[in-house]
N, C-alpha and C. Protein backbone atom coordinates (compact mmCIF):
# COMPACT_ATOMS: atom_id res chain seq x y z
N MET A 1 0.75 -1.18 -0.12
CA MET A 1 -0.03 -0.08 0.03
C MET A 1 0.85 1.32 0.05
N ALA A 2 0.65 2.46 -0.63
CA ALA A 2 1.30 3.40 -0.69
C ALA A 2 0.49 4.56 -0.61
N SER A 3 0.82 5.83 0.05
CA SER A 3 0.25 6.83 0.23
C SER A 3 0.65 8.03 -0.59
N GLU A 4 0.07 9.31 -0.77
CA GLU A 4 0.15 10.24 -1.42
C GLU A 4 1.53 11.27 -0.70
N ASP A 5 1.71 11.06 0.47
CA ASP A 5 2.66 11.60 1.42
C ASP A 5 4.04 10.91 1.56
N GLY A 6 4.19 9.86 0.55
CA GLY A 6 5.65 9.47 0.63
C GLY A 6 5.60 8.16 1.56
N ARG A 7 4.66 7.51 1.95
CA ARG A 7 4.64 6.41 2.83
C ARG A 7 4.39 5.18 2.06
N VAL A 8 4.99 4.09 2.33
CA VAL A 8 4.59 2.77 1.77
C VAL A 8 4.58 1.96 3.04
N VAL A 9 3.42 0.92 3.14
CA VAL A 9 3.27 0.06 4.09
C VAL A 9 3.66 -1.33 3.53
N GLY A 10 4.30 -2.23 4.13
CA GLY A 10 4.56 -3.63 3.67
C GLY A 10 4.02 -4.37 4.76
N VAL A 11 3.22 -5.43 4.46
CA VAL A 11 2.49 -6.29 5.65
C VAL A 11 3.03 -7.76 5.43
N HIS A 12 3.55 -8.24 6.50
CA HIS A 12 4.16 -9.50 6.23
C HIS A 12 3.96 -10.42 7.45
N ARG A 13 4.29 -11.50 7.79
CA ARG A 13 3.86 -12.54 8.77
C ARG A 13 5.35 -12.96 9.27
N ASN A 14 5.74 -13.10 10.40
CA ASN A 14 6.87 -13.85 10.73
C ASN A 14 6.45 -15.08 11.28
N THR A 15 7.22 -16.04 11.18
CA THR A 15 7.07 -17.43 11.69
C THR A 15 8.35 -18.15 12.27
N GLY A 16 8.53 -18.69 13.00
CA GLY A 16 9.62 -19.46 13.27
C GLY A 16 9.69 -20.39 14.66
N GLU A 17 10.44 -21.19 14.61
CA GLU A 17 10.79 -21.92 15.96
C GLU A 17 12.17 -21.78 16.58
N ARG A 18 12.21 -21.91 17.94
CA ARG A 18 13.73 -21.65 18.46
C ARG A 18 13.38 -21.77 19.83
N ASN A 19 14.33 -22.86 20.35
CA ASN A 19 14.43 -23.55 21.64
C ASN A 19 12.90 -23.87 22.22
N GLY A 20 12.29 -24.61 21.21
CA GLY A 20 11.08 -25.03 21.93
C GLY A 20 10.02 -24.00 21.69
N LYS A 21 10.28 -22.85 21.31
CA LYS A 21 9.31 -21.77 21.18
C LYS A 21 8.67 -21.72 19.89
N ARG A 22 7.60 -21.36 19.55
CA ARG A 22 6.89 -20.90 18.26
C ARG A 22 6.58 -19.54 18.10
N LEU A 23 6.92 -18.93 16.81
CA LEU A 23 6.42 -17.66 16.73
C LEU A 23 5.47 -17.56 15.44
N ASP A 24 4.45 -16.89 15.48
CA ASP A 24 3.51 -16.71 14.37
C ASP A 24 2.77 -15.30 14.66
N VAL A 25 3.49 -14.25 14.11
CA VAL A 25 3.01 -12.78 14.38
C VAL A 25 2.64 -12.00 13.04
N LEU A 26 1.72 -11.33 13.05
CA LEU A 26 1.38 -10.28 11.70
C LEU A 26 2.24 -9.11 12.09
N CYS A 27 2.92 -8.41 11.15
CA CYS A 27 3.78 -7.36 11.02
C CYS A 27 3.54 -6.55 10.15
N CYS A 28 3.85 -5.23 10.02
CA CYS A 28 3.98 -4.37 8.82
C CYS A 28 5.03 -3.52 9.12
N ILE A 29 5.65 -3.23 8.00
CA ILE A 29 6.83 -1.98 8.29
C ILE A 29 6.37 -0.78 7.45
N VAL A 30 6.36 0.27 7.97
CA VAL A 30 5.99 1.61 7.27
C VAL A 30 7.50 2.34 7.03
N PHE A 31 7.42 2.52 5.66
CA PHE A 31 8.44 2.87 5.12
C PHE A 31 8.24 4.49 4.67
N ASP A 32 9.20 5.40 4.94
CA ASP A 32 9.11 6.79 4.34
C ASP A 32 10.06 7.14 3.12
N ILE A 33 9.61 7.52 2.12
CA ILE A 33 10.30 7.59 1.00
C ILE A 33 10.43 8.85 0.58
N LYS A 34 11.69 9.34 0.28
CA LYS A 34 11.77 10.90 -0.44
C LYS A 34 12.84 10.53 -1.43
N ASN A 35 12.47 11.43 -2.51
CA ASN A 35 13.33 11.31 -3.71
C ASN A 35 13.66 10.11 -4.34
N GLY A 36 12.72 9.04 -4.00
CA GLY A 36 12.95 7.79 -4.47
C GLY A 36 13.69 6.82 -3.44
N LYS A 37 14.09 7.33 -2.58
CA LYS A 37 14.88 6.41 -1.61
C LYS A 37 14.11 6.33 -0.29
N VAL A 38 14.56 5.13 0.43
CA VAL A 38 13.82 4.78 1.72
C VAL A 38 14.81 5.81 2.77
N ILE A 39 13.87 6.52 3.56
CA ILE A 39 14.74 7.53 4.57
C ILE A 39 14.53 7.00 5.93
N ASP A 40 13.44 5.98 6.30
CA ASP A 40 13.17 5.62 7.42
C ASP A 40 12.25 4.50 7.18
N GLY A 41 12.24 3.49 8.48
CA GLY A 41 11.31 2.37 8.34
C GLY A 41 11.16 1.87 9.84
N ARG A 42 9.63 1.72 10.23
CA ARG A 42 9.40 1.38 11.32
C ARG A 42 8.50 0.11 11.22
N GLU A 43 8.99 -0.85 12.03
CA GLU A 43 8.16 -2.08 12.07
C GLU A 43 7.07 -2.21 13.35
N HIS A 44 5.94 -2.60 12.91
CA HIS A 44 4.90 -2.63 13.97
C HIS A 44 4.43 -4.10 14.06
N PHE A 45 4.37 -4.78 15.08
CA PHE A 45 4.02 -6.01 15.60
C PHE A 45 2.62 -6.30 16.21
N TYR A 46 1.59 -6.90 15.49
CA TYR A 46 0.40 -7.22 15.90
C TYR A 46 0.02 -7.68 17.41
N ASP A 47 1.26 -8.44 17.87
CA ASP A 47 1.23 -9.23 19.18
C ASP A 47 2.57 -8.95 19.37
N LEU A 48 2.88 -7.97 20.15
CA LEU A 48 4.25 -7.61 20.78
C LEU A 48 4.87 -8.50 21.70
N TYR A 49 3.48 -8.81 22.49
CA TYR A 49 3.98 -9.81 23.61
C TYR A 49 4.53 -11.21 23.22
N ALA A 50 3.90 -11.47 22.05
CA ALA A 50 4.21 -13.12 21.49
C ALA A 50 5.66 -13.03 20.85
N TRP A 51 6.10 -11.61 20.40
CA TRP A 51 7.31 -11.16 19.64
C TRP A 51 8.45 -11.42 20.83
N ASP A 52 8.14 -10.79 21.87
CA ASP A 52 9.09 -10.60 23.07
C ASP A 52 9.39 -11.87 23.77
N ALA A 53 8.39 -12.72 24.06
CA ALA A 53 8.43 -14.16 24.73
C ALA A 53 9.09 -15.10 23.55
N PHE A 54 8.93 -14.91 22.37
CA PHE A 54 9.92 -15.64 21.51
C PHE A 54 11.09 -15.46 21.66
N TRP A 55 11.76 -14.19 21.56
CA TRP A 55 13.06 -13.83 21.57
C TRP A 55 13.80 -13.64 23.13
N ALA A 56 12.83 -13.83 24.00
CA ALA A 56 13.42 -13.68 25.60
C ALA A 56 14.19 -15.21 25.94
């Protein structure tokens, strides 16, 4: 998805297994674009608690 103010949103899903833990979290990254280049990117997690528990 893209907006007229120079932002693009990429939606994705992170999955994985690590030390007996499973991860399945929806995420998005909001990119700020200026002059055709990415100048910033912020990742947002649907379930931040699941993300933190997986990496703890």
